[in-house]
Amino acid sequence: MLFCFDVDGTLLTDEMENEGQYVKGTIPTKTLSLLELAGHKVVIVSPSPFRPDGFKVFARNESNDYRWENIQDAMDYYGITDKSDVIYVDDLQLNRIMIIQWGVDSYSPNGFLMFIEMKRYI
């Protein structure tokens, strides 16, 4: 499975420590590392300067309106052709709706945490 993450408002990273609450999300970087340890691919598809170190970044297009291009770049990099093998996580509902319309399952941060617990991805 390829997991693609937004950053601001979605992840909680060390890089956000001295920033305001507006940028902090609910998914700790440790969760991303555990997904990788379980054999999944984890990428960042946001140009945010608060993204965590150690993960592949696909941020060719900085606009939320074209976030799907960054996800497509990640799919191409890993040779994934089936969108059902991809999950996108973002705190902004409009971004999630656009990605769902493009054909990729999308979750809010809290929804994602419940999803991976239910599916036992980690």
N, C-alpha and C. Protein backbone atom coordinates (compact mmCIF):
# COMPACT_ATOMS: atom_id res chain seq x y z
N MET A 1 0.85 -1.17 0.00
CA MET A 1 0.00 0.00 0.00
C MET A 1 0.90 1.24 0.00
N LEU A 2 0.49 2.25 -0.75
CA LEU A 2 1.18 3.54 -0.78
C LEU A 2 0.35 4.53 0.02
N PHE A 3 0.94 5.08 1.06
CA PHE A 3 0.28 6.08 1.89
C PHE A 3 0.88 7.45 1.57
N CYS A 4 0.03 8.39 1.16
CA CYS A 4 0.45 9.74 0.79
C CYS A 4 -0.12 10.73 1.80
N PHE A 5 0.75 11.59 2.31
CA PHE A 5 0.34 12.50 3.39
C PHE A 5 0.52 13.96 3.04
N ASP A 6 -0.49 14.74 3.39
CA ASP A 6 -0.38 16.17 3.52
C ASP A 6 0.43 16.40 4.80
N VAL A 7 0.85 17.61 5.09
CA VAL A 7 1.64 17.87 6.30
C VAL A 7 0.90 18.78 7.27
N ASP A 8 0.74 20.05 6.91
CA ASP A 8 0.16 21.04 7.84
C ASP A 8 -1.26 20.66 8.21
N GLY A 9 -1.51 20.54 9.50
CA GLY A 9 -2.83 20.18 9.99
C GLY A 9 -3.10 18.68 9.96
N THR A 10 -2.17 17.91 9.42
CA THR A 10 -2.34 16.47 9.29
C THR A 10 -1.33 15.72 10.16
N LEU A 11 -0.05 16.04 10.00
CA LEU A 11 1.00 15.36 10.74
C LEU A 11 1.42 16.17 11.96
N LEU A 12 2.02 15.49 12.90
CA LEU A 12 2.62 16.13 14.08
C LEU A 12 4.09 15.76 14.06
N THR A 13 4.93 16.72 13.67
CA THR A 13 6.35 16.45 13.47
C THR A 13 7.21 17.27 14.43
N ASP A 14 8.44 16.84 14.61
CA ASP A 14 9.39 17.59 15.44
C ASP A 14 9.63 18.98 14.86
N GLU A 15 9.54 19.10 13.54
CA GLU A 15 9.77 20.37 12.86
C GLU A 15 8.71 21.41 13.22
N MET A 16 7.60 20.98 13.81
CA MET A 16 6.50 21.88 14.18
C MET A 16 6.56 22.33 15.63
N GLU A 17 7.53 21.84 16.36
CA GLU A 17 7.57 22.04 17.81
C GLU A 17 7.40 23.50 18.24
N ASN A 18 8.05 24.43 17.55
CA ASN A 18 7.99 25.84 17.95
C ASN A 18 6.99 26.64 17.13
N GLU A 19 6.09 25.95 16.47
CA GLU A 19 5.09 26.62 15.63
C GLU A 19 3.75 26.68 16.35
N GLY A 20 2.83 27.45 15.78
CA GLY A 20 1.50 27.58 16.36
C GLY A 20 0.67 26.33 16.15
N GLN A 21 -0.41 26.24 16.88
CA GLN A 21 -1.31 25.07 16.80
C GLN A 21 -1.90 24.89 15.40
N TYR A 22 -2.01 25.98 14.64
CA TYR A 22 -2.63 25.92 13.32
C TYR A 22 -1.93 24.94 12.39
N VAL A 23 -0.64 24.72 12.60
CA VAL A 23 0.13 23.86 11.70
C VAL A 23 0.19 22.42 12.20
N LYS A 24 -0.09 22.18 13.45
CA LYS A 24 0.06 20.86 14.05
C LYS A 24 -1.14 19.97 13.79
N GLY A 25 -0.85 18.76 13.33
CA GLY A 25 -1.89 17.77 13.09
C GLY A 25 -1.93 16.75 14.21
N THR A 26 -2.51 15.60 13.92
CA THR A 26 -2.68 14.58 14.97
C THR A 26 -1.92 13.28 14.71
N ILE A 27 -1.35 13.11 13.52
CA ILE A 27 -0.66 11.86 13.20
C ILE A 27 0.83 12.04 13.49
N PRO A 28 1.34 11.36 14.51
CA PRO A 28 2.76 11.51 14.82
C PRO A 28 3.65 10.84 13.76
N THR A 29 4.84 11.39 13.59
CA THR A 29 5.80 10.84 12.63
C THR A 29 6.04 9.35 12.90
N LYS A 30 5.99 8.95 14.14
CA LYS A 30 6.21 7.54 14.49
C LYS A 30 5.24 6.62 13.74
N THR A 31 4.02 7.07 13.53
CA THR A 31 3.03 6.26 12.81
C THR A 31 3.50 5.99 11.38
N LEU A 32 4.09 7.01 10.74
CA LEU A 32 4.59 6.84 9.38
C LEU A 32 5.74 5.82 9.37
N SER A 33 6.61 5.92 10.36
CA SER A 33 7.73 4.97 10.46
C SER A 33 7.23 3.55 10.68
N LEU A 34 6.19 3.39 11.49
CA LEU A 34 5.63 2.05 11.73
C LEU A 34 5.00 1.48 10.46
N LEU A 35 4.38 2.32 9.65
CA LEU A 35 3.83 1.87 8.38
C LEU A 35 4.95 1.35 7.47
N GLU A 36 6.06 2.08 7.44
CA GLU A 36 7.19 1.62 6.62
C GLU A 36 7.75 0.31 7.14
N LEU A 37 7.88 0.19 8.45
CA LEU A 37 8.38 -1.04 9.05
C LEU A 37 7.48 -2.23 8.72
N ALA A 38 6.20 -1.96 8.53
CA ALA A 38 5.24 -3.02 8.18
C ALA A 38 5.27 -3.34 6.68
N GLY A 39 6.14 -2.65 5.93
CA GLY A 39 6.30 -2.94 4.51
C GLY A 39 5.57 -2.03 3.56
N HIS A 40 4.93 -0.99 4.07
CA HIS A 40 4.21 -0.05 3.21
C HIS A 40 5.14 1.06 2.74
N LYS A 41 4.72 1.73 1.68
CA LYS A 41 5.45 2.89 1.18
C LYS A 41 4.75 4.14 1.73
N VAL A 42 5.55 5.07 2.24
CA VAL A 42 5.02 6.28 2.85
C VAL A 42 5.70 7.48 2.20
N VAL A 43 4.89 8.41 1.69
CA VAL A 43 5.44 9.60 1.05
C VAL A 43 4.72 10.85 1.52
N ILE A 44 5.41 11.96 1.34
CA ILE A 44 4.84 13.28 1.61
C ILE A 44 4.52 13.91 0.26
N VAL A 45 3.31 14.42 0.11
CA VAL A 45 2.92 15.04 -1.16
C VAL A 45 2.58 16.52 -0.96
N SER A 46 3.23 17.12 0.01
CA SER A 46 3.02 18.52 0.36
C SER A 46 4.35 19.25 0.34
N PRO A 47 4.35 20.51 -0.09
CA PRO A 47 5.60 21.29 -0.09
C PRO A 47 5.91 21.92 1.27
N SER A 48 5.17 21.60 2.29
CA SER A 48 5.32 22.24 3.60
C SER A 48 6.76 22.15 4.12
N PRO A 49 7.27 23.23 4.69
CA PRO A 49 8.60 23.18 5.30
C PRO A 49 8.61 22.39 6.61
N PHE A 50 7.45 22.02 7.11
CA PHE A 50 7.35 21.30 8.38
C PHE A 50 7.27 19.79 8.19
N ARG A 51 7.49 19.32 6.97
CA ARG A 51 7.44 17.88 6.71
C ARG A 51 8.55 17.17 7.49
N PRO A 52 8.28 15.94 7.88
CA PRO A 52 9.28 15.20 8.66
C PRO A 52 10.43 14.72 7.78
N ASP A 53 11.60 14.65 8.36
CA ASP A 53 12.77 14.12 7.66
C ASP A 53 12.63 12.61 7.49
N GLY A 54 13.29 12.09 6.47
CA GLY A 54 13.38 10.64 6.31
C GLY A 54 12.33 10.01 5.41
N PHE A 55 11.48 10.82 4.81
CA PHE A 55 10.44 10.28 3.93
C PHE A 55 10.57 10.91 2.55
N LYS A 56 10.30 10.12 1.52
CA LYS A 56 10.35 10.61 0.15
C LYS A 56 9.29 11.69 -0.03
N VAL A 57 9.68 12.78 -0.71
CA VAL A 57 8.77 13.91 -0.92
C VAL A 57 8.47 14.06 -2.41
N PHE A 58 7.20 14.20 -2.72
CA PHE A 58 6.74 14.48 -4.07
C PHE A 58 5.94 15.77 -4.00
N ALA A 59 6.55 16.87 -4.41
CA ALA A 59 5.90 18.18 -4.26
C ALA A 59 6.13 19.04 -5.50
N ARG A 60 6.03 18.42 -6.66
CA ARG A 60 6.21 19.14 -7.92
C ARG A 60 5.22 20.29 -8.01
N ASN A 61 3.99 20.01 -7.63
CA ASN A 61 2.95 21.02 -7.71
C ASN A 61 2.57 21.45 -6.30
N GLU A 62 2.74 22.73 -5.99
CA GLU A 62 2.50 23.23 -4.64
C GLU A 62 1.03 23.56 -4.38
N SER A 63 0.22 23.60 -5.40
CA SER A 63 -1.19 23.96 -5.25
C SER A 63 -2.02 22.78 -4.75
N ASN A 64 -2.88 23.04 -3.78
CA ASN A 64 -3.81 22.00 -3.32
C ASN A 64 -4.71 21.52 -4.44
N ASP A 65 -5.00 22.41 -5.40
CA ASP A 65 -5.88 22.06 -6.51
C ASP A 65 -5.29 20.97 -7.40
N TYR A 66 -3.98 20.79 -7.32
CA TYR A 66 -3.31 19.80 -8.17
C TYR A 66 -2.51 18.80 -7.34
N ARG A 67 -2.96 18.55 -6.11
CA ARG A 67 -2.27 17.59 -5.24
C ARG A 67 -2.21 16.21 -5.88
N TRP A 68 -3.21 15.92 -6.71
CA TRP A 68 -3.24 14.63 -7.39
C TRP A 68 -1.99 14.40 -8.23
N GLU A 69 -1.39 15.49 -8.78
CA GLU A 69 -0.17 15.33 -9.58
C GLU A 69 0.97 14.79 -8.72
N ASN A 70 1.06 15.25 -7.49
CA ASN A 70 2.11 14.77 -6.59
C ASN A 70 1.87 13.29 -6.24
N ILE A 71 0.61 12.94 -6.05
CA ILE A 71 0.28 11.53 -5.77
C ILE A 71 0.62 10.68 -6.99
N GLN A 72 0.29 11.18 -8.19
CA GLN A 72 0.61 10.45 -9.41
C GLN A 72 2.12 10.26 -9.56
N ASP A 73 2.89 11.29 -9.21
CA ASP A 73 4.36 11.17 -9.27
C ASP A 73 4.84 10.06 -8.34
N ALA A 74 4.27 9.98 -7.15
CA ALA A 74 4.64 8.92 -6.20
C ALA A 74 4.26 7.55 -6.75
N MET A 75 3.08 7.45 -7.33
CA MET A 75 2.65 6.18 -7.93
C MET A 75 3.60 5.76 -9.04
N ASP A 76 3.97 6.71 -9.89
CA ASP A 76 4.89 6.41 -10.99
C ASP A 76 6.25 5.96 -10.45
N TYR A 77 6.74 6.64 -9.43
CA TYR A 77 8.04 6.32 -8.85
C TYR A 77 8.08 4.88 -8.34
N TYR A 78 6.99 4.45 -7.71
CA TYR A 78 6.93 3.11 -7.14
C TYR A 78 6.30 2.07 -8.08
N GLY A 79 5.93 2.50 -9.28
CA GLY A 79 5.37 1.57 -10.25
C GLY A 79 3.96 1.10 -9.89
N ILE A 80 3.21 1.94 -9.21
CA ILE A 80 1.84 1.59 -8.81
C ILE A 80 0.87 2.13 -9.85
N THR A 81 0.07 1.25 -10.42
CA THR A 81 -0.89 1.66 -11.44
C THR A 81 -2.34 1.61 -10.95
N ASP A 82 -2.58 0.88 -9.89
CA ASP A 82 -3.93 0.70 -9.36
C ASP A 82 -4.17 1.69 -8.22
N LYS A 83 -5.08 2.62 -8.45
CA LYS A 83 -5.36 3.64 -7.43
C LYS A 83 -5.93 3.06 -6.15
N SER A 84 -6.45 1.83 -6.21
CA SER A 84 -6.96 1.21 -4.99
C SER A 84 -5.82 0.78 -4.05
N ASP A 85 -4.59 0.88 -4.53
CA ASP A 85 -3.42 0.58 -3.70
C ASP A 85 -2.84 1.84 -3.06
N VAL A 86 -3.60 2.93 -3.11
CA VAL A 86 -3.13 4.23 -2.61
C VAL A 86 -4.14 4.80 -1.63
N ILE A 87 -3.61 5.42 -0.57
CA ILE A 87 -4.44 6.13 0.40
C ILE A 87 -3.84 7.51 0.61
N TYR A 88 -4.71 8.51 0.61
CA TYR A 88 -4.28 9.90 0.83
C TYR A 88 -4.88 10.39 2.13
N VAL A 89 -4.07 11.15 2.90
CA VAL A 89 -4.51 11.67 4.19
C VAL A 89 -4.29 13.18 4.22
N ASP A 90 -5.37 13.92 4.55
CA ASP A 90 -5.32 15.39 4.56
C ASP A 90 -6.37 15.90 5.53
N ASP A 91 -6.06 16.98 6.21
CA ASP A 91 -7.03 17.55 7.14
C ASP A 91 -8.09 18.39 6.44
N LEU A 92 -7.85 18.80 5.21
CA LEU A 92 -8.80 19.66 4.51
C LEU A 92 -9.79 18.84 3.69
N GLN A 93 -11.05 19.00 4.00
CA GLN A 93 -12.10 18.21 3.36
C GLN A 93 -12.14 18.42 1.84
N LEU A 94 -11.97 19.66 1.37
CA LEU A 94 -12.02 19.90 -0.07
C LEU A 94 -10.90 19.16 -0.80
N ASN A 95 -9.72 19.09 -0.20
CA ASN A 95 -8.62 18.32 -0.80
C ASN A 95 -9.00 16.85 -0.87
N ARG A 96 -9.57 16.33 0.21
CA ARG A 96 -9.96 14.92 0.22
C ARG A 96 -11.01 14.63 -0.84
N ILE A 97 -11.97 15.51 -1.00
CA ILE A 97 -13.03 15.32 -2.00
C ILE A 97 -12.43 15.28 -3.40
N MET A 98 -11.49 16.20 -3.70
CA MET A 98 -10.86 16.21 -5.03
C MET A 98 -10.12 14.90 -5.30
N ILE A 99 -9.42 14.40 -4.29
CA ILE A 99 -8.65 13.17 -4.47
C ILE A 99 -9.58 11.96 -4.60
N ILE A 100 -10.66 11.95 -3.85
CA ILE A 100 -11.64 10.87 -3.98
C ILE A 100 -12.24 10.88 -5.40
N GLN A 101 -12.55 12.07 -5.91
CA GLN A 101 -13.10 12.17 -7.27
C GLN A 101 -12.09 11.69 -8.31
N TRP A 102 -10.81 11.81 -8.00
CA TRP A 102 -9.75 11.34 -8.89
C TRP A 102 -9.62 9.82 -8.82
N GLY A 103 -10.17 9.21 -7.76
CA GLY A 103 -10.20 7.75 -7.68
C GLY A 103 -9.36 7.13 -6.58
N VAL A 104 -8.85 7.95 -5.67
CA VAL A 104 -8.03 7.45 -4.56
C VAL A 104 -8.77 7.64 -3.25
N ASP A 105 -8.77 6.61 -2.40
CA ASP A 105 -9.39 6.73 -1.08
C ASP A 105 -8.66 7.78 -0.27
N SER A 106 -9.41 8.55 0.48
CA SER A 106 -8.84 9.66 1.24
C SER A 106 -9.47 9.72 2.62
N TYR A 107 -8.65 10.07 3.60
CA TYR A 107 -9.11 10.11 5.00
C TYR A 107 -8.65 11.39 5.69
N SER A 108 -9.44 11.80 6.67
CA SER A 108 -9.00 12.85 7.58
C SER A 108 -7.94 12.22 8.49
N PRO A 109 -7.15 13.03 9.19
CA PRO A 109 -6.16 12.45 10.11
C PRO A 109 -6.78 11.51 11.14
N ASN A 110 -7.85 11.92 11.80
CA ASN A 110 -8.47 11.06 12.81
C ASN A 110 -9.11 9.84 12.17
N GLY A 111 -9.73 10.02 11.02
CA GLY A 111 -10.30 8.89 10.30
C GLY A 111 -9.23 7.90 9.89
N PHE A 112 -8.08 8.41 9.49
CA PHE A 112 -6.97 7.54 9.11
C PHE A 112 -6.47 6.72 10.30
N LEU A 113 -6.33 7.36 11.44
CA LEU A 113 -5.85 6.64 12.63
C LEU A 113 -6.82 5.52 12.99
N MET A 114 -8.12 5.77 12.88
CA MET A 114 -9.11 4.72 13.13
C MET A 114 -9.02 3.63 12.06
N PHE A 115 -8.83 4.03 10.81
CA PHE A 115 -8.74 3.09 9.69
C PHE A 115 -7.57 2.13 9.86
N ILE A 116 -6.38 2.66 10.16
CA ILE A 116 -5.22 1.75 10.26
C ILE A 116 -5.32 0.85 11.48
N GLU A 117 -5.99 1.33 12.52
CA GLU A 117 -6.20 0.47 13.69
C GLU A 117 -7.16 -0.66 13.33
N MET A 118 -8.24 -0.32 12.63
CA MET A 118 -9.23 -1.31 12.25
C MET A 118 -8.65 -2.33 11.28
N LYS A 119 -7.87 -1.87 10.31
CA LYS A 119 -7.30 -2.74 9.29
C LYS A 119 -6.01 -3.42 9.76
N ARG A 120 -5.51 -2.99 10.91
CA ARG A 120 -4.26 -3.53 11.49
C ARG A 120 -3.09 -3.40 10.51
N TYR A 121 -2.96 -2.21 9.92
CA TYR A 121 -1.85 -1.96 9.01
C TYR A 121 -0.51 -1.87 9.73
N ILE A 122 -0.57 -1.55 11.03
CA ILE A 122 0.67 -1.50 11.81
C ILE A 122 0.49 -2.26 13.10
